[in-house]
């Protein structure tokens, strides 16, 4: 079941990338394991998956400790009091969304003498239920991050509203791509766009996603 799902998803990612004139290898699949047990993670590893995403610190850490060589991504809302547990355990934080969190990440990076790779989360859709900066706040926030040398900003992240018709998510993903281009025009390199989940990842890839976060379509379960 997992092997079949993974093969289908990889095929759909590749087809979407080619439709956009992109190299399929430029898209990284992050398997979201927040409801997934250890045996399924082992099965995923055997199938060649090595990037895994978790959104709750306490549930994630035991998995990180069991599989320390894999690339763990923190994709959920990060509280400042959990920063000490996240820095050093995850290769990329997808949810940098406020100044106070940047301060905490900078401080922890200083203590550990390490860089903290992160994506800035943007609430493109404006949904109240979602975290992230408003698009109009992004330029000033990115400028402020220049004062935090321990934070390595690698790109942007967004979540589109859930919809039965994935095509409806296209304007959200297209806008994040535009924000990336606007930032790069100001001299800030933001190579990664983390966008697209189980129900809309093909549209996200067509619009420039370099990272897609897929859980239910891969492992089964509710979206």
N, C-alpha and C. Protein backbone atom coordinates (compact mmCIF):
# COMPACT_ATOMS: atom_id res chain seq x y z
N UNK A 1 0.83 -1.21 0.00
CA UNK A 1 0.00 0.00 0.00
C UNK A 1 0.87 1.27 0.00
N UNK A 2 1.83 1.32 0.93
CA UNK A 2 2.70 2.49 0.99
C UNK A 2 3.54 2.59 -0.28
N UNK A 3 4.06 1.46 -0.74
CA UNK A 3 4.88 1.46 -1.95
C UNK A 3 4.08 1.97 -3.15
N UNK A 4 2.83 1.53 -3.25
CA UNK A 4 1.98 1.97 -4.36
C UNK A 4 1.68 3.46 -4.27
N UNK A 5 1.37 3.92 -3.07
CA UNK A 5 1.07 5.34 -2.87
C UNK A 5 2.28 6.20 -3.20
N UNK A 6 3.44 5.77 -2.74
CA UNK A 6 4.66 6.54 -2.99
C UNK A 6 4.97 6.59 -4.48
N UNK A 7 4.82 5.48 -5.15
CA UNK A 7 5.09 5.45 -6.59
C UNK A 7 4.14 6.41 -7.33
N UNK A 8 2.87 6.41 -6.93
CA UNK A 8 1.89 7.29 -7.57
C UNK A 8 2.23 8.76 -7.33
N UNK A 9 2.57 9.08 -6.07
CA UNK A 9 2.89 10.47 -5.73
C UNK A 9 4.13 10.95 -6.48
N UNK A 10 5.14 10.12 -6.52
CA UNK A 10 6.36 10.49 -7.25
C UNK A 10 6.06 10.70 -8.73
N UNK A 11 5.21 9.86 -9.26
CA UNK A 11 4.84 9.99 -10.68
C UNK A 11 4.07 11.30 -10.92
N UNK A 12 3.17 11.64 -9.99
CA UNK A 12 2.39 12.86 -10.14
C UNK A 12 3.26 14.11 -9.95
N UNK A 13 4.22 14.05 -9.04
CA UNK A 13 5.15 15.17 -8.86
C UNK A 13 5.95 15.38 -10.13
N UNK A 14 6.46 14.29 -10.69
CA UNK A 14 7.27 14.38 -11.90
C UNK A 14 6.46 14.95 -13.05
N UNK A 15 5.22 14.49 -13.20
CA UNK A 15 4.38 14.97 -14.31
C UNK A 15 4.08 16.46 -14.14
N UNK A 16 3.78 16.89 -12.90
CA UNK A 16 3.49 18.30 -12.65
C UNK A 16 4.71 19.17 -12.92
N UNK A 17 5.87 18.69 -12.52
CA UNK A 17 7.11 19.44 -12.77
C UNK A 17 7.35 19.59 -14.26
N UNK A 18 7.16 18.52 -15.00
CA UNK A 18 7.40 18.59 -16.44
C UNK A 18 6.40 19.52 -17.13
N UNK A 19 5.16 19.54 -16.66
CA UNK A 19 4.17 20.46 -17.24
C UNK A 19 4.61 21.91 -17.08
N UNK A 20 5.34 22.18 -15.99
CA UNK A 20 5.81 23.54 -15.72
C UNK A 20 7.21 23.79 -16.29
N UNK A 21 7.74 22.81 -17.01
CA UNK A 21 9.08 22.96 -17.56
C UNK A 21 10.17 22.90 -16.53
N UNK A 22 9.93 22.16 -15.44
CA UNK A 22 10.87 22.06 -14.33
C UNK A 22 11.46 20.66 -14.25
N UNK A 23 12.59 20.57 -13.58
CA UNK A 23 13.23 19.29 -13.33
C UNK A 23 12.53 18.63 -12.13
N UNK A 24 11.96 17.44 -12.28
CA UNK A 24 11.32 16.77 -11.15
C UNK A 24 12.24 16.58 -9.95
N UNK A 25 13.55 16.48 -10.20
CA UNK A 25 14.49 16.29 -9.11
C UNK A 25 14.60 17.53 -8.22
N UNK A 26 14.07 18.67 -8.69
CA UNK A 26 14.12 19.91 -7.91
C UNK A 26 13.03 19.97 -6.84
N UNK A 27 12.17 18.95 -6.80
CA UNK A 27 11.07 18.92 -5.83
C UNK A 27 11.34 17.85 -4.78
N UNK A 28 11.36 18.26 -3.52
CA UNK A 28 11.62 17.33 -2.42
C UNK A 28 10.31 16.93 -1.75
N UNK A 29 10.12 15.65 -1.59
CA UNK A 29 8.95 15.13 -0.90
C UNK A 29 9.26 14.95 0.58
N UNK A 30 8.53 15.66 1.43
CA UNK A 30 8.63 15.49 2.87
C UNK A 30 7.42 14.66 3.31
N UNK A 31 7.69 13.48 3.85
CA UNK A 31 6.63 12.59 4.31
C UNK A 31 6.20 13.03 5.71
N UNK A 32 4.94 13.41 5.85
CA UNK A 32 4.44 13.91 7.13
C UNK A 32 4.02 12.72 7.99
N UNK A 33 4.70 12.57 9.12
CA UNK A 33 4.54 11.37 9.95
C UNK A 33 3.88 11.65 11.30
N UNK A 34 3.11 12.72 11.38
CA UNK A 34 2.56 13.10 12.69
C UNK A 34 1.59 12.06 13.25
N UNK A 35 0.97 11.25 12.41
CA UNK A 35 0.07 10.20 12.91
C UNK A 35 0.58 8.81 12.55
N UNK A 36 1.86 8.74 12.24
CA UNK A 36 2.43 7.50 11.68
C UNK A 36 3.32 6.81 12.71
N UNK A 37 3.19 5.49 12.79
CA UNK A 37 3.99 4.72 13.74
C UNK A 37 5.37 4.38 13.22
N UNK A 38 6.16 3.81 14.11
CA UNK A 38 7.56 3.51 13.82
C UNK A 38 7.70 2.51 12.67
N UNK A 39 6.85 1.51 12.62
CA UNK A 39 6.98 0.50 11.56
C UNK A 39 6.74 1.10 10.18
N UNK A 40 5.79 2.03 10.09
CA UNK A 40 5.54 2.68 8.80
C UNK A 40 6.72 3.56 8.40
N UNK A 41 7.34 4.18 9.38
CA UNK A 41 8.53 4.99 9.07
C UNK A 41 9.65 4.08 8.56
N UNK A 42 9.82 2.94 9.19
CA UNK A 42 10.84 1.99 8.71
C UNK A 42 10.53 1.54 7.28
N UNK A 43 9.26 1.31 7.00
CA UNK A 43 8.87 0.90 5.64
C UNK A 43 9.17 2.03 4.66
N UNK A 44 8.90 3.27 5.06
CA UNK A 44 9.18 4.42 4.20
C UNK A 44 10.68 4.54 3.92
N UNK A 45 11.48 4.29 4.94
CA UNK A 45 12.94 4.33 4.77
C UNK A 45 13.39 3.28 3.75
N UNK A 46 12.82 2.11 3.84
CA UNK A 46 13.19 1.04 2.92
C UNK A 46 12.81 1.38 1.48
N UNK A 47 11.84 2.26 1.32
CA UNK A 47 11.40 2.68 -0.02
C UNK A 47 12.15 3.91 -0.51
N UNK A 48 13.11 4.37 0.28
CA UNK A 48 13.95 5.46 -0.17
C UNK A 48 13.57 6.84 0.32
N UNK A 49 12.63 6.95 1.24
CA UNK A 49 12.27 8.25 1.80
C UNK A 49 13.21 8.58 2.96
N UNK A 50 13.68 9.81 3.00
CA UNK A 50 14.58 10.22 4.08
C UNK A 50 14.25 11.58 4.66
N UNK A 51 13.24 12.26 4.11
CA UNK A 51 12.78 13.54 4.64
C UNK A 51 11.42 13.33 5.30
N UNK A 52 11.32 13.66 6.59
CA UNK A 52 10.09 13.45 7.34
C UNK A 52 9.68 14.73 8.05
N UNK A 53 8.38 14.97 8.12
CA UNK A 53 7.87 16.19 8.73
C UNK A 53 7.01 15.91 9.94
N UNK A 54 7.21 16.70 10.98
CA UNK A 54 6.42 16.59 12.21
C UNK A 54 5.97 17.99 12.63
N UNK A 55 4.81 18.08 13.27
CA UNK A 55 4.33 19.41 13.66
C UNK A 55 4.09 19.57 15.16
N UNK A 56 4.41 18.54 15.95
CA UNK A 56 4.33 18.68 17.42
C UNK A 56 5.64 18.18 18.02
N UNK A 57 6.24 19.04 18.82
CA UNK A 57 7.59 18.76 19.32
C UNK A 57 7.61 17.48 20.16
N UNK A 58 6.69 17.35 21.09
CA UNK A 58 6.74 16.22 22.02
C UNK A 58 6.54 14.89 21.31
N UNK A 59 5.69 14.88 20.27
CA UNK A 59 5.47 13.65 19.52
C UNK A 59 6.61 13.36 18.57
N UNK A 60 7.28 14.42 18.13
CA UNK A 60 8.34 14.26 17.13
C UNK A 60 9.64 13.73 17.72
N UNK A 61 10.02 14.22 18.88
CA UNK A 61 11.35 13.93 19.41
C UNK A 61 11.66 12.44 19.57
N UNK A 62 10.73 11.62 20.05
CA UNK A 62 11.05 10.19 20.13
C UNK A 62 11.37 9.58 18.76
N UNK A 63 10.69 10.05 17.71
CA UNK A 63 10.96 9.55 16.36
C UNK A 63 12.33 10.04 15.88
N UNK A 64 12.61 11.29 16.16
CA UNK A 64 13.91 11.85 15.78
C UNK A 64 15.04 11.07 16.44
N UNK A 65 14.84 10.70 17.71
CA UNK A 65 15.86 9.96 18.44
C UNK A 65 16.01 8.54 17.93
N UNK A 66 14.91 7.94 17.45
CA UNK A 66 14.98 6.59 16.89
C UNK A 66 15.65 6.57 15.53
N UNK A 67 15.47 7.67 14.78
CA UNK A 67 16.02 7.73 13.42
C UNK A 67 16.83 9.02 13.26
N UNK A 68 17.94 9.13 13.97
CA UNK A 68 18.68 10.39 14.00
C UNK A 68 19.39 10.74 12.71
N UNK A 69 19.57 9.78 11.83
CA UNK A 69 20.30 10.06 10.59
C UNK A 69 19.39 10.61 9.49
N UNK A 70 18.10 10.57 9.71
CA UNK A 70 17.18 11.04 8.68
C UNK A 70 17.01 12.56 8.77
N UNK A 71 16.43 13.14 7.73
CA UNK A 71 16.24 14.60 7.67
C UNK A 71 14.84 14.94 8.19
N UNK A 72 14.80 15.47 9.39
CA UNK A 72 13.54 15.81 10.03
C UNK A 72 13.23 17.29 9.86
N UNK A 73 12.01 17.57 9.43
CA UNK A 73 11.54 18.94 9.20
C UNK A 73 10.48 19.26 10.25
N UNK A 74 10.60 20.44 10.87
CA UNK A 74 9.54 20.86 11.78
C UNK A 74 8.58 21.74 11.00
N UNK A 75 7.34 21.28 10.83
CA UNK A 75 6.40 21.95 9.94
C UNK A 75 5.22 22.59 10.67
N UNK A 76 5.16 22.47 12.00
CA UNK A 76 4.04 23.03 12.74
C UNK A 76 4.36 24.39 13.34
N UNK A 77 3.36 24.97 13.98
CA UNK A 77 3.55 26.24 14.69
C UNK A 77 4.51 26.01 15.84
N UNK A 78 5.55 26.83 15.93
CA UNK A 78 6.59 26.63 16.94
C UNK A 78 6.48 27.66 18.04
N UNK A 79 6.26 27.17 19.26
CA UNK A 79 6.24 28.05 20.43
C UNK A 79 7.68 28.37 20.84
N UNK A 80 7.88 29.59 21.33
CA UNK A 80 9.24 30.00 21.68
C UNK A 80 9.82 29.13 22.79
N UNK A 81 8.99 28.61 23.68
CA UNK A 81 9.52 27.79 24.78
C UNK A 81 9.91 26.38 24.34
N UNK A 82 9.67 26.06 23.07
CA UNK A 82 10.07 24.74 22.54
C UNK A 82 11.30 24.84 21.64
N UNK A 83 11.82 26.05 21.47
CA UNK A 83 12.93 26.27 20.54
C UNK A 83 14.15 25.42 20.92
N UNK A 84 14.46 25.32 22.22
CA UNK A 84 15.64 24.56 22.65
C UNK A 84 15.57 23.11 22.21
N UNK A 85 14.37 22.57 22.15
CA UNK A 85 14.21 21.17 21.77
C UNK A 85 14.24 20.96 20.25
N UNK A 86 13.96 22.03 19.51
CA UNK A 86 13.87 21.91 18.06
C UNK A 86 15.22 22.16 17.38
N UNK A 87 15.92 23.20 17.83
CA UNK A 87 17.21 23.53 17.21
C UNK A 87 18.19 22.37 17.44
N UNK A 88 18.78 21.91 16.37
CA UNK A 88 19.71 20.79 16.46
C UNK A 88 19.08 19.45 16.17
N UNK A 89 17.74 19.38 16.26
CA UNK A 89 17.05 18.11 16.00
C UNK A 89 16.42 18.07 14.61
N UNK A 90 16.20 19.23 14.02
CA UNK A 90 15.52 19.32 12.73
C UNK A 90 16.40 20.04 11.72
N UNK A 91 16.39 19.56 10.49
CA UNK A 91 17.24 20.17 9.46
C UNK A 91 16.64 21.46 8.94
N UNK A 92 15.32 21.64 9.12
CA UNK A 92 14.66 22.84 8.61
C UNK A 92 13.38 23.11 9.39
N UNK A 93 13.24 24.35 9.83
CA UNK A 93 12.02 24.81 10.49
C UNK A 93 11.20 25.55 9.44
N UNK A 94 9.98 25.08 9.19
CA UNK A 94 9.16 25.64 8.12
C UNK A 94 8.28 26.80 8.58
N UNK A 95 8.33 27.18 9.84
CA UNK A 95 7.27 28.02 10.39
C UNK A 95 7.77 29.24 11.18
N UNK A 96 8.80 29.90 10.69
CA UNK A 96 9.26 31.15 11.30
C UNK A 96 8.27 32.24 10.90
N UNK A 97 7.54 32.76 11.89
CA UNK A 97 6.42 33.66 11.55
C UNK A 97 6.31 34.91 12.42
N UNK A 98 7.31 35.15 13.29
CA UNK A 98 7.20 36.33 14.15
C UNK A 98 8.57 36.68 14.72
N UNK A 99 8.68 37.93 15.12
CA UNK A 99 9.95 38.47 15.59
C UNK A 99 10.41 37.77 16.87
N UNK A 100 9.50 37.50 17.79
CA UNK A 100 9.88 36.87 19.06
C UNK A 100 10.47 35.48 18.82
N UNK A 101 9.96 34.76 17.83
CA UNK A 101 10.50 33.45 17.51
C UNK A 101 11.90 33.59 16.90
N UNK A 102 12.07 34.60 16.06
CA UNK A 102 13.40 34.85 15.48
C UNK A 102 14.41 35.13 16.59
N UNK A 103 14.02 35.91 17.57
CA UNK A 103 14.92 36.20 18.69
C UNK A 103 15.31 34.92 19.43
N UNK A 104 14.32 34.05 19.67
CA UNK A 104 14.59 32.80 20.39
C UNK A 104 15.49 31.88 19.57
N UNK A 105 15.27 31.81 18.28
CA UNK A 105 16.11 30.97 17.41
C UNK A 105 17.53 31.51 17.34
N UNK A 106 17.65 32.82 17.24
CA UNK A 106 18.98 33.44 17.23
C UNK A 106 19.73 33.14 18.52
N UNK A 107 19.05 33.27 19.64
CA UNK A 107 19.68 33.03 20.94
C UNK A 107 20.14 31.59 21.07
N UNK A 108 19.30 30.65 20.63
CA UNK A 108 19.67 29.24 20.74
C UNK A 108 20.81 28.91 19.77
N UNK A 109 20.78 29.51 18.59
CA UNK A 109 21.87 29.31 17.66
C UNK A 109 23.19 29.82 18.20
N UNK A 110 23.14 30.94 18.90
CA UNK A 110 24.35 31.49 19.54
C UNK A 110 24.88 30.53 20.60
N UNK A 111 23.99 30.00 21.43
CA UNK A 111 24.39 29.09 22.50
C UNK A 111 25.07 27.84 21.94
N UNK A 112 24.52 27.34 20.84
CA UNK A 112 25.02 26.09 20.27
C UNK A 112 26.14 26.32 19.25
N UNK A 113 26.33 27.56 18.86
CA UNK A 113 27.32 27.86 17.85
C UNK A 113 26.98 27.28 16.50
N UNK A 114 25.69 27.34 16.14
CA UNK A 114 25.24 26.73 14.89
C UNK A 114 24.31 27.67 14.14
N UNK A 115 24.15 27.39 12.86
CA UNK A 115 23.13 28.08 12.07
C UNK A 115 21.80 27.37 12.24
N UNK A 116 20.72 28.12 12.13
CA UNK A 116 19.37 27.57 12.26
C UNK A 116 18.65 27.77 10.92
N UNK A 117 18.57 26.75 10.08
CA UNK A 117 17.87 26.89 8.80
C UNK A 117 16.36 27.01 9.02
N UNK A 118 15.74 27.97 8.33
CA UNK A 118 14.31 28.20 8.53
C UNK A 118 13.67 28.75 7.26
N UNK A 119 12.37 28.51 7.16
CA UNK A 119 11.53 29.12 6.14
C UNK A 119 10.59 30.09 6.83
N UNK A 120 10.31 31.21 6.19
CA UNK A 120 9.37 32.17 6.73
C UNK A 120 7.97 31.80 6.27
N UNK A 121 7.06 31.64 7.23
CA UNK A 121 5.69 31.25 6.91
C UNK A 121 4.86 32.48 6.59
N UNK A 122 4.16 32.42 5.46
CA UNK A 122 3.32 33.52 5.00
C UNK A 122 1.88 33.02 4.90
N UNK A 123 0.97 33.76 5.50
CA UNK A 123 -0.45 33.40 5.44
C UNK A 123 -1.05 34.09 4.21
N UNK A 124 -0.78 33.54 3.05
CA UNK A 124 -1.20 34.16 1.80
C UNK A 124 -2.71 34.25 1.71
N UNK A 125 -3.41 33.22 2.16
CA UNK A 125 -4.87 33.17 2.02
C UNK A 125 -5.58 34.09 2.99
N UNK A 126 -4.89 34.50 4.08
CA UNK A 126 -5.52 35.38 5.07
C UNK A 126 -6.47 34.68 6.02
N UNK A 127 -6.47 33.35 6.02
CA UNK A 127 -7.36 32.63 6.93
C UNK A 127 -6.96 32.86 8.39
N UNK A 128 -7.93 33.14 9.22
CA UNK A 128 -7.65 33.38 10.64
C UNK A 128 -7.14 32.14 11.34
N UNK A 129 -7.49 30.98 10.83
CA UNK A 129 -7.09 29.72 11.47
C UNK A 129 -5.64 29.36 11.19
N UNK A 130 -4.99 30.10 10.30
CA UNK A 130 -3.62 29.78 9.93
C UNK A 130 -2.64 30.80 10.47
N UNK A 131 -1.45 30.31 10.82
CA UNK A 131 -0.37 31.19 11.27
C UNK A 131 0.36 31.75 10.06
N UNK A 132 1.21 32.73 10.33
CA UNK A 132 2.04 33.27 9.26
C UNK A 132 1.89 34.77 9.10
N UNK A 133 2.88 35.36 8.47
CA UNK A 133 2.86 36.79 8.20
C UNK A 133 1.88 37.10 7.07
N UNK A 134 1.29 38.28 7.13
CA UNK A 134 0.54 38.76 5.97
C UNK A 134 1.54 39.08 4.86
N UNK A 135 1.16 38.90 3.61
CA UNK A 135 2.10 39.17 2.52
C UNK A 135 2.72 40.55 2.59
N UNK A 136 1.95 41.55 3.00
CA UNK A 136 2.48 42.91 3.05
C UNK A 136 3.48 43.13 4.19
N UNK A 137 3.54 42.18 5.11
CA UNK A 137 4.51 42.27 6.21
C UNK A 137 5.84 41.62 5.89
N UNK A 138 5.89 40.84 4.81
CA UNK A 138 7.04 40.00 4.55
C UNK A 138 8.33 40.78 4.31
N UNK A 139 8.27 41.82 3.50
CA UNK A 139 9.49 42.55 3.14
C UNK A 139 10.18 43.11 4.37
N UNK A 140 9.42 43.73 5.27
CA UNK A 140 10.02 44.30 6.48
C UNK A 140 10.56 43.20 7.39
N UNK A 141 9.86 42.08 7.46
CA UNK A 141 10.31 40.98 8.32
C UNK A 141 11.61 40.39 7.79
N UNK A 142 11.68 40.19 6.49
CA UNK A 142 12.91 39.66 5.90
C UNK A 142 14.07 40.62 6.12
N UNK A 143 13.80 41.92 6.04
CA UNK A 143 14.85 42.91 6.29
C UNK A 143 15.32 42.84 7.73
N UNK A 144 14.37 42.65 8.66
CA UNK A 144 14.73 42.56 10.08
C UNK A 144 15.56 41.33 10.37
N UNK A 145 15.35 40.25 9.62
CA UNK A 145 16.08 39.01 9.85
C UNK A 145 17.57 39.14 9.52
N UNK A 146 17.94 40.17 8.81
CA UNK A 146 19.36 40.39 8.53
C UNK A 146 20.14 40.64 9.83
N UNK A 147 19.44 41.03 10.88
CA UNK A 147 20.08 41.28 12.18
C UNK A 147 20.23 40.01 13.00
N UNK A 148 19.83 38.86 12.44
CA UNK A 148 19.91 37.58 13.16
C UNK A 148 20.82 36.64 12.37
N UNK A 149 22.13 36.78 12.52
CA UNK A 149 23.06 36.01 11.68
C UNK A 149 23.02 34.51 11.90
N UNK A 150 22.48 34.05 13.01
CA UNK A 150 22.40 32.60 13.24
C UNK A 150 21.23 31.95 12.51
N UNK A 151 20.30 32.77 12.00
CA UNK A 151 19.17 32.22 11.25
C UNK A 151 19.49 32.23 9.77
N UNK A 152 19.44 31.07 9.17
CA UNK A 152 19.69 30.94 7.74
C UNK A 152 18.33 30.80 7.03
N UNK A 153 17.87 31.90 6.47
CA UNK A 153 16.56 31.90 5.81
C UNK A 153 16.70 31.25 4.44
N UNK A 154 16.01 30.13 4.25
CA UNK A 154 16.18 29.36 3.02
C UNK A 154 14.98 29.46 2.08
N UNK A 155 13.93 30.18 2.50
CA UNK A 155 12.79 30.31 1.61
C UNK A 155 11.53 30.65 2.36
N UNK A 156 10.40 30.34 1.73
CA UNK A 156 9.08 30.68 2.25
C UNK A 156 8.20 29.44 2.32
N UNK A 157 7.21 29.50 3.19
CA UNK A 157 6.23 28.42 3.33
C UNK A 157 4.84 29.01 3.40
N UNK A 158 3.87 28.29 2.85
CA UNK A 158 2.47 28.66 3.03
C UNK A 158 1.60 27.42 3.03
N UNK A 159 0.38 27.60 3.54
CA UNK A 159 -0.64 26.56 3.51
C UNK A 159 -1.86 27.15 2.82
N UNK A 160 -2.36 26.45 1.82
CA UNK A 160 -3.55 26.90 1.12
C UNK A 160 -4.79 26.40 1.85
N UNK A 161 -5.92 27.06 1.68
CA UNK A 161 -7.17 26.55 2.26
C UNK A 161 -7.49 25.18 1.70
N UNK A 162 -8.07 24.32 2.53
CA UNK A 162 -8.47 23.01 2.03
C UNK A 162 -9.69 23.18 1.13
N UNK A 163 -9.65 22.55 -0.03
CA UNK A 163 -10.76 22.62 -0.97
C UNK A 163 -10.85 21.32 -1.75
N UNK A 164 -12.05 20.97 -2.17
CA UNK A 164 -12.22 19.76 -2.97
C UNK A 164 -11.61 19.92 -4.36
N UNK A 165 -11.53 21.17 -4.84
CA UNK A 165 -10.98 21.44 -6.16
C UNK A 165 -9.58 22.05 -6.01
N UNK A 166 -8.52 21.28 -6.20
CA UNK A 166 -7.16 21.79 -6.01
C UNK A 166 -6.86 23.03 -6.85
N UNK A 167 -7.54 23.18 -7.96
CA UNK A 167 -7.28 24.33 -8.83
C UNK A 167 -7.54 25.65 -8.10
N UNK A 168 -8.41 25.62 -7.11
CA UNK A 168 -8.73 26.84 -6.36
C UNK A 168 -7.55 27.32 -5.51
N UNK A 169 -6.58 26.44 -5.29
CA UNK A 169 -5.41 26.83 -4.49
C UNK A 169 -4.34 27.54 -5.31
N UNK A 170 -4.48 27.51 -6.62
CA UNK A 170 -3.42 28.04 -7.49
C UNK A 170 -3.05 29.49 -7.19
N UNK A 171 -4.01 30.41 -6.98
CA UNK A 171 -3.62 31.80 -6.70
C UNK A 171 -2.77 31.95 -5.44
N UNK A 172 -3.00 31.09 -4.44
CA UNK A 172 -2.21 31.14 -3.20
C UNK A 172 -0.76 30.79 -3.50
N UNK A 173 -0.56 29.70 -4.20
CA UNK A 173 0.80 29.26 -4.51
C UNK A 173 1.49 30.23 -5.47
N UNK A 174 0.73 30.75 -6.41
CA UNK A 174 1.32 31.70 -7.36
C UNK A 174 1.78 32.97 -6.64
N UNK A 175 1.00 33.39 -5.65
CA UNK A 175 1.37 34.60 -4.90
C UNK A 175 2.63 34.37 -4.08
N UNK A 176 2.79 33.18 -3.50
CA UNK A 176 4.01 32.91 -2.74
C UNK A 176 5.22 32.95 -3.67
N UNK A 177 5.07 32.42 -4.87
CA UNK A 177 6.16 32.48 -5.84
C UNK A 177 6.50 33.94 -6.18
N UNK A 178 5.48 34.76 -6.32
CA UNK A 178 5.71 36.18 -6.59
C UNK A 178 6.45 36.86 -5.44
N UNK A 179 6.07 36.50 -4.21
CA UNK A 179 6.75 37.07 -3.04
C UNK A 179 8.22 36.66 -3.01
N UNK A 180 8.50 35.41 -3.38
CA UNK A 180 9.88 34.95 -3.48
C UNK A 180 10.64 35.79 -4.51
N UNK A 181 10.04 36.00 -5.65
CA UNK A 181 10.70 36.77 -6.71
C UNK A 181 10.93 38.22 -6.30
N UNK A 182 9.96 38.79 -5.58
CA UNK A 182 10.10 40.17 -5.12
C UNK A 182 11.26 40.29 -4.12
N UNK A 183 11.38 39.30 -3.24
CA UNK A 183 12.46 39.31 -2.26
C UNK A 183 13.81 39.16 -2.95
N UNK A 184 13.87 38.28 -3.93
CA UNK A 184 15.12 38.06 -4.63
C UNK A 184 15.52 39.30 -5.45
N UNK A 185 14.52 40.06 -5.92
CA UNK A 185 14.81 41.30 -6.63
C UNK A 185 15.43 42.34 -5.70
N UNK A 186 15.17 42.18 -4.40
CA UNK A 186 15.77 43.08 -3.40
C UNK A 186 17.11 42.55 -2.91
N UNK A 187 17.57 41.44 -3.48
CA UNK A 187 18.89 40.93 -3.16
C UNK A 187 18.93 39.83 -2.12
N UNK A 188 17.77 39.25 -1.78
CA UNK A 188 17.75 38.17 -0.78
C UNK A 188 17.44 36.86 -1.47
N UNK A 189 18.35 35.91 -1.42
CA UNK A 189 18.15 34.61 -2.06
C UNK A 189 17.26 33.73 -1.19
N UNK A 190 16.15 33.27 -1.76
CA UNK A 190 15.21 32.40 -1.06
C UNK A 190 14.93 31.20 -1.95
N UNK A 191 15.81 30.20 -1.94
CA UNK A 191 15.71 29.13 -2.93
C UNK A 191 14.51 28.20 -2.78
N UNK A 192 13.95 28.10 -1.58
CA UNK A 192 12.92 27.08 -1.37
C UNK A 192 11.52 27.67 -1.17
N UNK A 193 10.55 26.97 -1.75
CA UNK A 193 9.13 27.24 -1.51
C UNK A 193 8.50 25.95 -1.01
N UNK A 194 8.11 25.94 0.27
CA UNK A 194 7.44 24.80 0.87
C UNK A 194 5.94 25.05 0.77
N UNK A 195 5.30 24.37 -0.16
CA UNK A 195 3.86 24.57 -0.36
C UNK A 195 3.31 23.35 -1.09
N UNK A 196 2.08 23.01 -0.74
CA UNK A 196 1.45 21.84 -1.33
C UNK A 196 1.40 20.69 -0.35
N UNK A 197 0.19 20.16 -0.17
CA UNK A 197 -0.04 19.03 0.72
C UNK A 197 -0.79 17.95 -0.06
N UNK A 198 -1.36 16.99 0.64
CA UNK A 198 -1.92 15.81 -0.03
C UNK A 198 -2.94 16.16 -1.10
N UNK A 199 -3.78 17.17 -0.86
CA UNK A 199 -4.87 17.44 -1.78
C UNK A 199 -4.52 18.41 -2.90
N UNK A 200 -3.35 19.08 -2.82
CA UNK A 200 -3.08 20.14 -3.79
C UNK A 200 -1.62 20.20 -4.25
N UNK A 201 -0.84 19.15 -4.00
CA UNK A 201 0.60 19.24 -4.25
C UNK A 201 0.94 19.37 -5.73
N UNK A 202 0.12 18.81 -6.62
CA UNK A 202 0.46 18.91 -8.04
C UNK A 202 0.35 20.36 -8.52
N UNK A 203 -0.67 21.07 -8.04
CA UNK A 203 -0.81 22.49 -8.39
C UNK A 203 0.37 23.27 -7.83
N UNK A 204 0.76 22.95 -6.59
CA UNK A 204 1.89 23.64 -5.97
C UNK A 204 3.18 23.44 -6.77
N UNK A 205 3.39 22.22 -7.23
CA UNK A 205 4.60 21.95 -8.03
C UNK A 205 4.55 22.75 -9.33
N UNK A 206 3.40 22.80 -9.96
CA UNK A 206 3.26 23.58 -11.19
C UNK A 206 3.58 25.06 -10.96
N UNK A 207 3.34 25.53 -9.74
CA UNK A 207 3.56 26.95 -9.42
C UNK A 207 4.93 27.22 -8.77
N UNK A 208 5.76 26.18 -8.66
CA UNK A 208 7.13 26.42 -8.23
C UNK A 208 7.56 25.82 -6.90
N UNK A 209 6.75 24.98 -6.29
CA UNK A 209 7.15 24.35 -5.02
C UNK A 209 8.45 23.59 -5.17
N UNK A 210 9.34 23.74 -4.21
CA UNK A 210 10.54 22.90 -4.15
C UNK A 210 10.43 21.86 -3.04
N UNK A 211 9.46 22.06 -2.14
CA UNK A 211 9.19 21.10 -1.06
C UNK A 211 7.69 20.91 -0.98
N UNK A 212 7.23 19.67 -1.00
CA UNK A 212 5.81 19.37 -0.76
C UNK A 212 5.72 18.50 0.49
N UNK A 213 4.69 18.74 1.28
CA UNK A 213 4.52 18.06 2.57
C UNK A 213 3.29 17.14 2.48
N UNK A 214 3.53 15.85 2.44
CA UNK A 214 2.44 14.91 2.13
C UNK A 214 2.33 13.85 3.22
N UNK A 215 1.14 13.73 3.78
CA UNK A 215 0.90 12.73 4.81
C UNK A 215 -0.18 11.76 4.45
N UNK A 216 -1.44 12.23 4.40
CA UNK A 216 -2.57 11.32 4.23
C UNK A 216 -2.56 10.59 2.89
N UNK A 217 -2.16 11.26 1.82
CA UNK A 217 -2.11 10.58 0.52
C UNK A 217 -1.05 9.50 0.47
N UNK A 218 -0.07 9.64 1.33
CA UNK A 218 1.03 8.67 1.36
C UNK A 218 0.74 7.52 2.31
N UNK A 219 0.35 7.87 3.53
CA UNK A 219 0.18 6.85 4.57
C UNK A 219 -1.28 6.45 4.79
N UNK A 220 -2.21 7.18 4.21
CA UNK A 220 -3.62 6.94 4.46
C UNK A 220 -4.12 7.78 5.60
N UNK A 221 -5.43 7.85 5.76
CA UNK A 221 -6.00 8.64 6.85
C UNK A 221 -6.64 9.91 6.32
N UNK A 222 -7.16 10.71 7.25
CA UNK A 222 -7.85 11.95 6.88
C UNK A 222 -6.87 12.97 6.37
N UNK A 223 -7.31 13.86 5.47
CA UNK A 223 -6.42 14.91 4.95
C UNK A 223 -5.98 15.86 6.05
